[in-house]
């Protein structure tokens, strides 16, 4: 359990440092030209290269999600470090309560305005599903995986083949029937 907590703390520190560097580097506002007074008192256009520019409107949804996921990881680490609390309340319950409180905070920050983030399939598949899958894979004991590796491979291979043919044939027949225009 201690190696898990040390690893998560290390990842949190790296993410925090990367976030601080990105925010500080992007604080120039993207202005590559500044007026500089030379020794004669005349203004000259000075040039500098902006290495990192943070366009907050472009990165707002993933940034907010990453911050909330990092907070959830912190809650998870805190949950596992307090053993008395873990005896009477399951981890999933704590994370559900945290998610509810996070939603309340996001809603209260922008009452009546456009929400800071909207939940759609893109947000789910790009930002929320990968940490869930990686956490499930990371926490699964290797023995359980290797005991069921044949069944896992069968579902992966045959399920992919069956879905590919099913979707391909279904789309082919829908196009032939005129239900879908290409």
N, C-alpha and C. Protein backbone atom coordinates (compact mmCIF):
# COMPACT_ATOMS: atom_id res chain seq x y z
N UNK A 1 0.83 -1.20 0.00
CA UNK A 1 0.00 0.00 0.00
C UNK A 1 0.87 1.26 0.00
N UNK A 2 2.01 1.21 0.66
CA UNK A 2 2.85 2.40 0.74
C UNK A 2 3.47 2.74 -0.60
N UNK A 3 3.87 1.71 -1.39
CA UNK A 3 4.45 2.00 -2.70
C UNK A 3 3.43 2.66 -3.59
N UNK A 4 2.14 2.28 -3.46
CA UNK A 4 1.07 2.87 -4.25
C UNK A 4 0.93 4.35 -3.90
N UNK A 5 0.96 4.66 -2.59
CA UNK A 5 0.81 6.05 -2.16
C UNK A 5 2.00 6.88 -2.61
N UNK A 6 3.21 6.32 -2.54
CA UNK A 6 4.39 7.07 -2.98
C UNK A 6 4.33 7.33 -4.49
N UNK A 7 3.88 6.34 -5.24
CA UNK A 7 3.80 6.49 -6.69
C UNK A 7 2.76 7.54 -7.06
N UNK A 8 1.59 7.50 -6.41
CA UNK A 8 0.55 8.48 -6.71
C UNK A 8 1.00 9.88 -6.32
N UNK A 9 1.67 10.00 -5.18
CA UNK A 9 2.18 11.32 -4.77
C UNK A 9 3.20 11.84 -5.77
N UNK A 10 4.06 10.95 -6.29
CA UNK A 10 5.03 11.36 -7.29
C UNK A 10 4.36 11.84 -8.56
N UNK A 11 3.34 11.12 -9.01
CA UNK A 11 2.61 11.52 -10.22
C UNK A 11 1.90 12.85 -9.99
N UNK A 12 1.31 13.03 -8.81
CA UNK A 12 0.64 14.30 -8.50
C UNK A 12 1.64 15.46 -8.51
N UNK A 13 2.83 15.25 -7.97
CA UNK A 13 3.84 16.31 -7.97
C UNK A 13 4.26 16.66 -9.38
N UNK A 14 4.47 15.65 -10.23
CA UNK A 14 4.87 15.90 -11.61
C UNK A 14 3.78 16.68 -12.35
N UNK A 15 2.51 16.27 -12.18
CA UNK A 15 1.40 16.96 -12.84
C UNK A 15 1.29 18.40 -12.36
N UNK A 16 1.47 18.62 -11.07
CA UNK A 16 1.37 19.96 -10.52
C UNK A 16 2.48 20.85 -11.06
N UNK A 17 3.71 20.33 -11.12
CA UNK A 17 4.82 21.12 -11.65
C UNK A 17 4.58 21.44 -13.13
N UNK A 18 4.11 20.44 -13.91
CA UNK A 18 3.84 20.68 -15.33
C UNK A 18 2.75 21.73 -15.52
N UNK A 19 1.71 21.68 -14.68
CA UNK A 19 0.63 22.65 -14.76
C UNK A 19 1.13 24.06 -14.43
N UNK A 20 1.95 24.18 -13.39
CA UNK A 20 2.48 25.49 -13.01
C UNK A 20 3.38 26.04 -14.11
N UNK A 21 4.22 25.18 -14.70
CA UNK A 21 5.09 25.64 -15.79
C UNK A 21 4.27 26.10 -16.99
N UNK A 22 3.22 25.34 -17.33
CA UNK A 22 2.39 25.71 -18.47
C UNK A 22 1.68 27.04 -18.23
N UNK A 23 1.17 27.23 -17.04
CA UNK A 23 0.45 28.47 -16.73
C UNK A 23 1.41 29.66 -16.70
N UNK A 24 2.57 29.49 -16.07
CA UNK A 24 3.54 30.59 -16.00
C UNK A 24 4.12 30.92 -17.37
N UNK A 25 4.37 29.93 -18.19
CA UNK A 25 4.94 30.18 -19.52
C UNK A 25 3.93 30.85 -20.44
N UNK A 26 2.66 30.56 -20.24
CA UNK A 26 1.63 31.13 -21.10
C UNK A 26 1.13 32.47 -20.63
N UNK A 27 1.74 33.04 -19.61
CA UNK A 27 1.23 34.30 -19.07
C UNK A 27 1.62 35.51 -19.90
N UNK A 28 2.39 35.29 -20.98
CA UNK A 28 2.79 36.43 -21.80
C UNK A 28 1.64 36.98 -22.61
N UNK A 29 0.56 36.22 -22.74
CA UNK A 29 -0.59 36.69 -23.48
C UNK A 29 -0.45 36.54 -24.97
N UNK A 30 0.60 35.89 -25.41
CA UNK A 30 0.78 35.65 -26.84
C UNK A 30 1.27 36.86 -27.62
N UNK A 31 1.70 37.91 -26.93
CA UNK A 31 2.16 39.12 -27.60
C UNK A 31 3.63 38.95 -27.93
N UNK A 32 3.95 38.75 -29.20
CA UNK A 32 5.33 38.53 -29.59
C UNK A 32 6.08 39.83 -29.87
N UNK A 33 5.41 40.96 -29.86
CA UNK A 33 6.05 42.24 -30.17
C UNK A 33 5.87 43.18 -28.98
N UNK A 34 6.97 43.75 -28.56
CA UNK A 34 6.91 44.77 -27.52
C UNK A 34 7.66 46.00 -28.00
N UNK A 35 7.23 47.15 -27.58
CA UNK A 35 7.94 48.37 -27.93
C UNK A 35 8.99 48.63 -26.85
N UNK A 36 10.24 48.80 -27.29
CA UNK A 36 11.35 49.00 -26.37
C UNK A 36 12.03 50.32 -26.73
N UNK A 37 12.36 51.11 -25.72
CA UNK A 37 13.08 52.36 -25.95
C UNK A 37 14.56 52.06 -26.07
N UNK A 38 15.19 52.55 -27.16
CA UNK A 38 16.64 52.36 -27.29
C UNK A 38 17.36 53.51 -26.62
N UNK A 39 18.66 53.56 -26.78
CA UNK A 39 19.46 54.59 -26.08
C UNK A 39 19.18 55.99 -26.60
N UNK A 40 18.68 56.14 -27.82
CA UNK A 40 18.37 57.46 -28.37
C UNK A 40 17.00 57.96 -27.93
N UNK A 41 16.22 57.15 -27.24
CA UNK A 41 14.89 57.55 -26.83
C UNK A 41 13.82 57.19 -27.83
N UNK A 42 14.19 56.59 -28.95
CA UNK A 42 13.23 56.19 -29.96
C UNK A 42 12.70 54.79 -29.65
N UNK A 43 11.45 54.60 -30.00
CA UNK A 43 10.85 53.28 -29.76
C UNK A 43 11.19 52.35 -30.90
N UNK A 44 11.60 51.15 -30.55
CA UNK A 44 11.83 50.11 -31.54
C UNK A 44 10.98 48.91 -31.16
N UNK A 45 10.60 48.18 -32.16
CA UNK A 45 9.81 46.97 -31.90
C UNK A 45 10.76 45.86 -31.46
N UNK A 46 10.59 45.38 -30.24
CA UNK A 46 11.39 44.26 -29.74
C UNK A 46 10.68 42.95 -30.03
N UNK A 47 11.44 41.94 -30.27
CA UNK A 47 10.86 40.64 -30.59
C UNK A 47 11.35 39.61 -29.58
N UNK A 48 10.44 38.76 -29.16
CA UNK A 48 10.83 37.61 -28.36
C UNK A 48 9.99 36.43 -28.79
N UNK A 49 10.49 35.29 -28.52
CA UNK A 49 9.81 34.06 -28.93
C UNK A 49 9.06 33.50 -27.73
N UNK A 50 7.79 33.28 -27.92
CA UNK A 50 6.98 32.66 -26.88
C UNK A 50 7.05 31.15 -27.06
N UNK A 51 7.64 30.46 -26.10
CA UNK A 51 7.80 29.01 -26.20
C UNK A 51 6.48 28.31 -25.95
N UNK A 52 5.77 28.74 -24.94
CA UNK A 52 4.48 28.13 -24.60
C UNK A 52 3.46 29.25 -24.45
N UNK A 53 2.34 29.09 -25.09
CA UNK A 53 1.25 30.05 -24.95
C UNK A 53 0.01 29.28 -24.52
N UNK A 54 -0.61 29.69 -23.45
CA UNK A 54 -1.78 29.02 -22.93
C UNK A 54 -3.03 29.76 -23.36
N UNK A 55 -3.79 29.15 -24.25
CA UNK A 55 -5.07 29.68 -24.67
C UNK A 55 -6.13 29.01 -23.78
N UNK A 56 -6.52 29.67 -22.71
CA UNK A 56 -7.37 29.05 -21.70
C UNK A 56 -8.71 28.60 -22.27
N UNK A 57 -9.27 29.36 -23.17
CA UNK A 57 -10.56 28.97 -23.74
C UNK A 57 -10.45 27.66 -24.52
N UNK A 58 -9.31 27.42 -25.11
CA UNK A 58 -9.13 26.18 -25.88
C UNK A 58 -8.89 24.98 -24.97
N UNK A 59 -8.19 25.18 -23.87
CA UNK A 59 -7.84 24.06 -22.99
C UNK A 59 -8.71 23.99 -21.73
N UNK A 60 -9.73 24.82 -21.65
CA UNK A 60 -10.53 24.87 -20.43
C UNK A 60 -11.17 23.53 -20.06
N UNK A 61 -11.90 22.86 -20.95
CA UNK A 61 -12.53 21.60 -20.53
C UNK A 61 -11.54 20.53 -20.08
N UNK A 62 -10.48 20.23 -20.86
CA UNK A 62 -9.57 19.21 -20.36
C UNK A 62 -8.82 19.63 -19.10
N UNK A 63 -8.49 20.92 -18.99
CA UNK A 63 -7.77 21.37 -17.81
C UNK A 63 -8.62 21.22 -16.56
N UNK A 64 -9.87 21.61 -16.63
CA UNK A 64 -10.76 21.47 -15.48
C UNK A 64 -10.95 20.00 -15.13
N UNK A 65 -11.12 19.16 -16.15
CA UNK A 65 -11.26 17.73 -15.88
C UNK A 65 -10.01 17.14 -15.25
N UNK A 66 -8.85 17.52 -15.75
CA UNK A 66 -7.60 17.00 -15.18
C UNK A 66 -7.46 17.45 -13.73
N UNK A 67 -7.80 18.69 -13.44
CA UNK A 67 -7.73 19.15 -12.06
C UNK A 67 -8.67 18.37 -11.15
N UNK A 68 -9.90 18.11 -11.63
CA UNK A 68 -10.84 17.34 -10.81
C UNK A 68 -10.39 15.89 -10.66
N UNK A 69 -9.82 15.31 -11.70
CA UNK A 69 -9.30 13.94 -11.59
C UNK A 69 -8.14 13.89 -10.61
N UNK A 70 -7.26 14.90 -10.66
CA UNK A 70 -6.16 14.95 -9.69
C UNK A 70 -6.68 15.10 -8.27
N UNK A 71 -7.73 15.90 -8.10
CA UNK A 71 -8.33 16.00 -6.77
C UNK A 71 -8.94 14.68 -6.34
N UNK A 72 -9.57 13.96 -7.28
CA UNK A 72 -10.14 12.65 -6.95
C UNK A 72 -9.05 11.66 -6.58
N UNK A 73 -7.91 11.72 -7.27
CA UNK A 73 -6.78 10.86 -6.91
C UNK A 73 -6.29 11.22 -5.51
N UNK A 74 -6.24 12.51 -5.21
CA UNK A 74 -5.86 12.93 -3.86
C UNK A 74 -6.83 12.42 -2.80
N UNK A 75 -8.13 12.47 -3.12
CA UNK A 75 -9.14 11.94 -2.19
C UNK A 75 -8.94 10.44 -2.01
N UNK A 76 -8.61 9.76 -3.10
CA UNK A 76 -8.39 8.30 -3.03
C UNK A 76 -7.17 7.98 -2.17
N UNK A 77 -6.09 8.72 -2.34
CA UNK A 77 -4.89 8.52 -1.52
C UNK A 77 -5.19 8.82 -0.07
N UNK A 78 -5.91 9.90 0.19
CA UNK A 78 -6.29 10.24 1.55
C UNK A 78 -7.18 9.16 2.17
N UNK A 79 -8.08 8.61 1.38
CA UNK A 79 -8.96 7.53 1.85
C UNK A 79 -8.15 6.32 2.28
N UNK A 80 -7.15 5.95 1.47
CA UNK A 80 -6.34 4.77 1.81
C UNK A 80 -5.37 5.04 2.95
N UNK A 81 -5.04 6.29 3.21
CA UNK A 81 -4.13 6.58 4.32
C UNK A 81 -4.84 6.63 5.66
N UNK A 82 -6.15 6.84 5.67
CA UNK A 82 -6.93 6.84 6.92
C UNK A 82 -7.63 5.48 7.03
N UNK A 83 -7.00 4.54 7.72
CA UNK A 83 -7.52 3.17 7.76
C UNK A 83 -8.81 3.05 8.56
N UNK A 84 -9.01 3.88 9.57
CA UNK A 84 -10.24 3.81 10.37
C UNK A 84 -11.46 4.15 9.52
N UNK A 85 -11.29 5.13 8.64
CA UNK A 85 -12.40 5.54 7.78
C UNK A 85 -12.72 4.48 6.74
N UNK A 86 -11.67 3.78 6.27
CA UNK A 86 -11.84 2.76 5.24
C UNK A 86 -12.60 1.54 5.74
N UNK A 87 -12.67 1.36 7.05
CA UNK A 87 -13.34 0.18 7.60
C UNK A 87 -14.86 0.25 7.49
N UNK A 88 -15.42 1.45 7.55
CA UNK A 88 -16.89 1.55 7.56
C UNK A 88 -17.48 2.21 6.32
N UNK A 89 -16.66 2.75 5.43
CA UNK A 89 -17.18 3.41 4.23
C UNK A 89 -16.40 2.94 3.01
N UNK A 90 -17.06 2.37 2.00
CA UNK A 90 -16.32 1.90 0.82
C UNK A 90 -15.75 3.05 -0.01
N UNK A 91 -14.69 2.73 -0.75
CA UNK A 91 -14.01 3.74 -1.57
C UNK A 91 -14.93 4.32 -2.63
N UNK A 92 -15.75 3.47 -3.25
CA UNK A 92 -16.64 3.96 -4.30
C UNK A 92 -17.62 4.98 -3.75
N UNK A 93 -18.08 4.79 -2.53
CA UNK A 93 -19.01 5.74 -1.90
C UNK A 93 -18.34 7.09 -1.69
N UNK A 94 -17.09 7.06 -1.24
CA UNK A 94 -16.36 8.31 -1.03
C UNK A 94 -16.16 9.05 -2.34
N UNK A 95 -15.81 8.31 -3.41
CA UNK A 95 -15.59 8.95 -4.70
C UNK A 95 -16.89 9.48 -5.31
N UNK A 96 -18.01 8.80 -5.08
CA UNK A 96 -19.30 9.30 -5.56
C UNK A 96 -19.67 10.59 -4.83
N UNK A 97 -19.46 10.61 -3.52
CA UNK A 97 -19.74 11.83 -2.75
C UNK A 97 -18.83 12.97 -3.21
N UNK A 98 -17.55 12.66 -3.47
CA UNK A 98 -16.63 13.68 -3.98
C UNK A 98 -17.10 14.21 -5.33
N UNK A 99 -17.54 13.31 -6.22
CA UNK A 99 -18.04 13.74 -7.53
C UNK A 99 -19.27 14.62 -7.42
N UNK A 100 -20.15 14.28 -6.49
CA UNK A 100 -21.35 15.10 -6.27
C UNK A 100 -20.95 16.49 -5.76
N UNK A 101 -20.03 16.53 -4.80
CA UNK A 101 -19.58 17.82 -4.28
C UNK A 101 -18.84 18.64 -5.35
N UNK A 102 -18.05 17.96 -6.19
CA UNK A 102 -17.36 18.65 -7.28
C UNK A 102 -18.37 19.26 -8.25
N UNK A 103 -19.45 18.53 -8.55
CA UNK A 103 -20.50 19.06 -9.41
C UNK A 103 -21.19 20.26 -8.80
N UNK A 104 -21.43 20.20 -7.49
CA UNK A 104 -22.04 21.35 -6.80
C UNK A 104 -21.13 22.58 -6.86
N UNK A 105 -19.83 22.36 -6.68
CA UNK A 105 -18.89 23.48 -6.74
C UNK A 105 -18.87 24.07 -8.15
N UNK A 106 -18.80 23.21 -9.17
CA UNK A 106 -18.80 23.72 -10.55
C UNK A 106 -20.09 24.47 -10.87
N UNK A 107 -21.20 23.99 -10.35
CA UNK A 107 -22.49 24.66 -10.60
C UNK A 107 -22.57 25.99 -9.86
N UNK A 108 -22.03 26.05 -8.65
CA UNK A 108 -22.13 27.28 -7.86
C UNK A 108 -21.15 28.34 -8.35
N UNK A 109 -20.09 27.95 -9.04
CA UNK A 109 -19.13 28.92 -9.55
C UNK A 109 -19.74 29.77 -10.65
N UNK A 110 -20.59 29.15 -11.48
CA UNK A 110 -21.21 29.87 -12.59
C UNK A 110 -22.72 29.72 -12.55
N UNK A 111 -23.40 30.33 -11.58
CA UNK A 111 -24.86 30.21 -11.54
C UNK A 111 -25.51 31.03 -12.65
N UNK A 112 -26.36 30.40 -13.45
CA UNK A 112 -27.08 31.09 -14.51
C UNK A 112 -26.26 31.41 -15.74
N UNK A 113 -24.97 31.13 -15.73
CA UNK A 113 -24.10 31.38 -16.88
C UNK A 113 -23.85 30.07 -17.61
N UNK A 114 -23.05 30.16 -18.65
CA UNK A 114 -22.62 28.95 -19.34
C UNK A 114 -21.75 28.14 -18.38
N UNK A 115 -21.98 26.83 -18.27
CA UNK A 115 -21.19 26.03 -17.33
C UNK A 115 -19.72 25.99 -17.74
N UNK A 116 -18.84 25.80 -16.75
CA UNK A 116 -17.42 25.72 -17.04
C UNK A 116 -17.09 24.56 -17.97
N UNK A 117 -17.82 23.47 -17.81
CA UNK A 117 -17.58 22.30 -18.63
C UNK A 117 -18.90 21.60 -18.89
N UNK A 118 -19.06 21.07 -20.08
CA UNK A 118 -20.27 20.32 -20.39
C UNK A 118 -19.89 18.86 -20.58
N UNK A 119 -20.75 17.98 -20.15
CA UNK A 119 -20.48 16.55 -20.22
C UNK A 119 -21.09 15.99 -21.49
N UNK A 120 -20.24 15.49 -22.38
CA UNK A 120 -20.71 14.85 -23.60
C UNK A 120 -19.85 13.62 -23.86
N UNK A 121 -20.11 12.93 -24.97
CA UNK A 121 -19.40 11.68 -25.23
C UNK A 121 -17.90 11.92 -25.45
N UNK A 122 -17.53 13.03 -26.05
CA UNK A 122 -16.12 13.31 -26.26
C UNK A 122 -15.38 13.46 -24.95
N UNK A 123 -15.96 14.21 -24.03
CA UNK A 123 -15.35 14.39 -22.71
C UNK A 123 -15.23 13.05 -22.00
N UNK A 124 -16.28 12.23 -22.09
CA UNK A 124 -16.25 10.94 -21.41
C UNK A 124 -15.18 10.03 -21.99
N UNK A 125 -15.16 9.86 -23.32
CA UNK A 125 -14.24 8.90 -23.92
C UNK A 125 -12.80 9.37 -23.94
N UNK A 126 -12.55 10.68 -24.00
CA UNK A 126 -11.18 11.17 -24.05
C UNK A 126 -10.57 11.44 -22.69
N UNK A 127 -11.39 11.85 -21.71
CA UNK A 127 -10.82 12.32 -20.46
C UNK A 127 -11.22 11.49 -19.23
N UNK A 128 -12.39 10.91 -19.23
CA UNK A 128 -12.83 10.19 -18.04
C UNK A 128 -12.63 8.68 -18.12
N UNK A 129 -12.86 8.09 -19.28
CA UNK A 129 -12.74 6.64 -19.41
C UNK A 129 -11.30 6.13 -19.28
N UNK A 130 -10.31 6.76 -19.91
CA UNK A 130 -8.95 6.23 -19.77
C UNK A 130 -8.43 6.11 -18.34
N UNK A 131 -8.63 7.11 -17.46
CA UNK A 131 -8.16 6.90 -16.08
C UNK A 131 -8.90 5.77 -15.36
N UNK A 132 -10.17 5.58 -15.68
CA UNK A 132 -10.92 4.49 -15.05
C UNK A 132 -10.36 3.15 -15.50
N UNK A 133 -10.12 2.99 -16.79
CA UNK A 133 -9.60 1.72 -17.31
C UNK A 133 -8.18 1.49 -16.78
N UNK A 134 -7.34 2.52 -16.80
CA UNK A 134 -5.98 2.36 -16.31
C UNK A 134 -5.94 2.04 -14.82
N UNK A 135 -6.82 2.64 -14.04
CA UNK A 135 -6.87 2.34 -12.61
C UNK A 135 -7.31 0.90 -12.38
N UNK A 136 -8.30 0.45 -13.15
CA UNK A 136 -8.77 -0.93 -13.01
C UNK A 136 -7.67 -1.92 -13.39
N UNK A 137 -6.93 -1.63 -14.45
CA UNK A 137 -5.84 -2.51 -14.85
C UNK A 137 -4.67 -2.48 -13.89
N UNK A 138 -4.39 -1.30 -13.36
CA UNK A 138 -3.26 -1.14 -12.44
C UNK A 138 -3.52 -1.85 -11.12
N UNK A 139 -4.74 -1.82 -10.66
CA UNK A 139 -5.07 -2.38 -9.35
C UNK A 139 -5.43 -3.87 -9.40
N UNK A 140 -5.56 -4.44 -10.59
CA UNK A 140 -5.90 -5.85 -10.68
C UNK A 140 -4.67 -6.71 -10.38
N UNK A 141 -4.81 -7.68 -9.50
CA UNK A 141 -3.68 -8.58 -9.22
C UNK A 141 -3.32 -9.38 -10.48
N UNK A 142 -2.04 -9.55 -10.76
CA UNK A 142 -1.62 -10.27 -11.98
C UNK A 142 -2.14 -11.71 -12.03
N UNK A 143 -2.31 -12.33 -10.91
CA UNK A 143 -2.77 -13.72 -10.90
C UNK A 143 -4.16 -13.83 -11.52
N UNK A 144 -5.05 -12.90 -11.18
CA UNK A 144 -6.40 -12.92 -11.74
C UNK A 144 -6.37 -12.74 -13.26
N UNK A 145 -5.48 -11.87 -13.72
CA UNK A 145 -5.36 -11.65 -15.16
C UNK A 145 -4.87 -12.90 -15.86
N UNK A 146 -3.77 -13.49 -15.37
CA UNK A 146 -3.18 -14.64 -16.05
C UNK A 146 -4.03 -15.90 -15.91
N UNK A 147 -4.85 -15.99 -14.87
CA UNK A 147 -5.78 -17.10 -14.77
C UNK A 147 -6.86 -17.04 -15.85
N UNK A 148 -7.20 -15.84 -16.29
CA UNK A 148 -8.27 -15.65 -17.26
C UNK A 148 -7.79 -15.12 -18.60
N UNK A 149 -6.49 -15.23 -18.91
CA UNK A 149 -5.96 -14.64 -20.12
C UNK A 149 -6.57 -15.26 -21.39
N UNK A 150 -6.87 -16.53 -21.37
CA UNK A 150 -7.50 -17.16 -22.53
C UNK A 150 -8.88 -16.60 -22.81
N UNK A 151 -9.68 -16.45 -21.77
CA UNK A 151 -11.02 -15.89 -21.92
C UNK A 151 -10.96 -14.42 -22.35
N UNK A 152 -10.00 -13.68 -21.78
CA UNK A 152 -9.84 -12.27 -22.15
C UNK A 152 -9.48 -12.14 -23.63
N UNK A 153 -8.53 -12.95 -24.08
CA UNK A 153 -8.14 -12.91 -25.49
C UNK A 153 -9.27 -13.35 -26.41
N UNK A 154 -10.04 -14.36 -25.98
CA UNK A 154 -11.16 -14.81 -26.80
C UNK A 154 -12.18 -13.70 -26.97
N UNK A 155 -12.54 -13.03 -25.88
CA UNK A 155 -13.48 -11.91 -25.98
C UNK A 155 -12.90 -10.78 -26.82
N UNK A 156 -11.61 -10.50 -26.66
CA UNK A 156 -10.99 -9.40 -27.41
C UNK A 156 -10.97 -9.70 -28.90
N UNK A 157 -10.50 -10.87 -29.26
CA UNK A 157 -10.34 -11.19 -30.69
C UNK A 157 -11.68 -11.47 -31.35
N UNK A 158 -12.44 -12.42 -30.79
CA UNK A 158 -13.71 -12.78 -31.43
C UNK A 158 -14.74 -11.65 -31.32
N UNK A 159 -14.72 -10.94 -30.22
CA UNK A 159 -15.64 -9.81 -30.09
C UNK A 159 -15.36 -8.73 -31.11
N UNK A 160 -14.07 -8.46 -31.35
CA UNK A 160 -13.70 -7.46 -32.35
C UNK A 160 -14.10 -7.91 -33.75
N UNK A 161 -13.84 -9.18 -34.07
CA UNK A 161 -14.18 -9.69 -35.40
C UNK A 161 -15.69 -9.68 -35.62
N UNK A 162 -16.44 -10.15 -34.63
CA UNK A 162 -17.90 -10.19 -34.75
C UNK A 162 -18.47 -8.78 -34.88
N UNK A 163 -17.98 -7.84 -34.08
CA UNK A 163 -18.46 -6.46 -34.17
C UNK A 163 -18.11 -5.84 -35.52
N UNK A 164 -16.90 -6.09 -36.00
CA UNK A 164 -16.50 -5.52 -37.29
C UNK A 164 -17.40 -6.02 -38.41
N UNK A 165 -17.59 -7.34 -38.47
CA UNK A 165 -18.45 -7.88 -39.52
C UNK A 165 -19.90 -7.45 -39.33
N UNK A 166 -20.37 -7.43 -38.10
CA UNK A 166 -21.76 -7.03 -37.85
C UNK A 166 -22.02 -5.59 -38.26
N UNK A 167 -21.13 -4.69 -37.87
CA UNK A 167 -21.31 -3.28 -38.23
C UNK A 167 -21.12 -3.09 -39.73
N UNK A 168 -20.10 -3.74 -40.31
CA UNK A 168 -19.86 -3.60 -41.75
C UNK A 168 -21.02 -4.12 -42.58
N UNK A 169 -21.50 -5.32 -42.25
CA UNK A 169 -22.64 -5.87 -43.01
C UNK A 169 -23.91 -5.07 -42.77
N UNK A 170 -24.10 -4.64 -41.53
CA UNK A 170 -25.29 -3.84 -41.23
C UNK A 170 -25.30 -2.54 -42.02
N UNK A 171 -24.16 -1.84 -42.06
CA UNK A 171 -24.07 -0.61 -42.84
C UNK A 171 -24.23 -0.88 -44.33
N UNK A 172 -23.65 -1.98 -44.82
CA UNK A 172 -23.78 -2.32 -46.23
C UNK A 172 -25.25 -2.52 -46.61
N UNK A 173 -25.98 -3.29 -45.79
CA UNK A 173 -27.39 -3.55 -46.11
C UNK A 173 -28.26 -2.30 -45.92
N UNK A 174 -27.93 -1.44 -44.95
CA UNK A 174 -28.67 -0.19 -44.80
C UNK A 174 -28.45 0.73 -46.00
N UNK A 175 -27.24 0.75 -46.53
CA UNK A 175 -26.97 1.55 -47.73
C UNK A 175 -27.70 0.97 -48.93
N UNK A 176 -27.68 -0.35 -49.06
CA UNK A 176 -28.38 -0.99 -50.17
C UNK A 176 -29.88 -0.77 -50.12
N UNK A 177 -30.43 -0.72 -48.88
CA UNK A 177 -31.86 -0.51 -48.72
C UNK A 177 -32.25 0.96 -48.88
N UNK A 178 -31.27 1.85 -48.92
CA UNK A 178 -31.57 3.28 -49.10
C UNK A 178 -31.84 3.99 -47.79
N UNK A 179 -31.60 3.35 -46.67
CA UNK A 179 -31.83 3.98 -45.37
C UNK A 179 -30.73 4.98 -45.04
N UNK A 180 -29.55 4.78 -45.60
CA UNK A 180 -28.41 5.67 -45.38
C UNK A 180 -27.89 6.13 -46.73
N UNK A 181 -27.70 7.41 -46.88
CA UNK A 181 -27.13 7.96 -48.11
C UNK A 181 -25.66 8.22 -47.90
N UNK A 182 -24.84 7.81 -48.85
CA UNK A 182 -23.40 8.01 -48.75
C UNK A 182 -22.98 9.10 -49.70
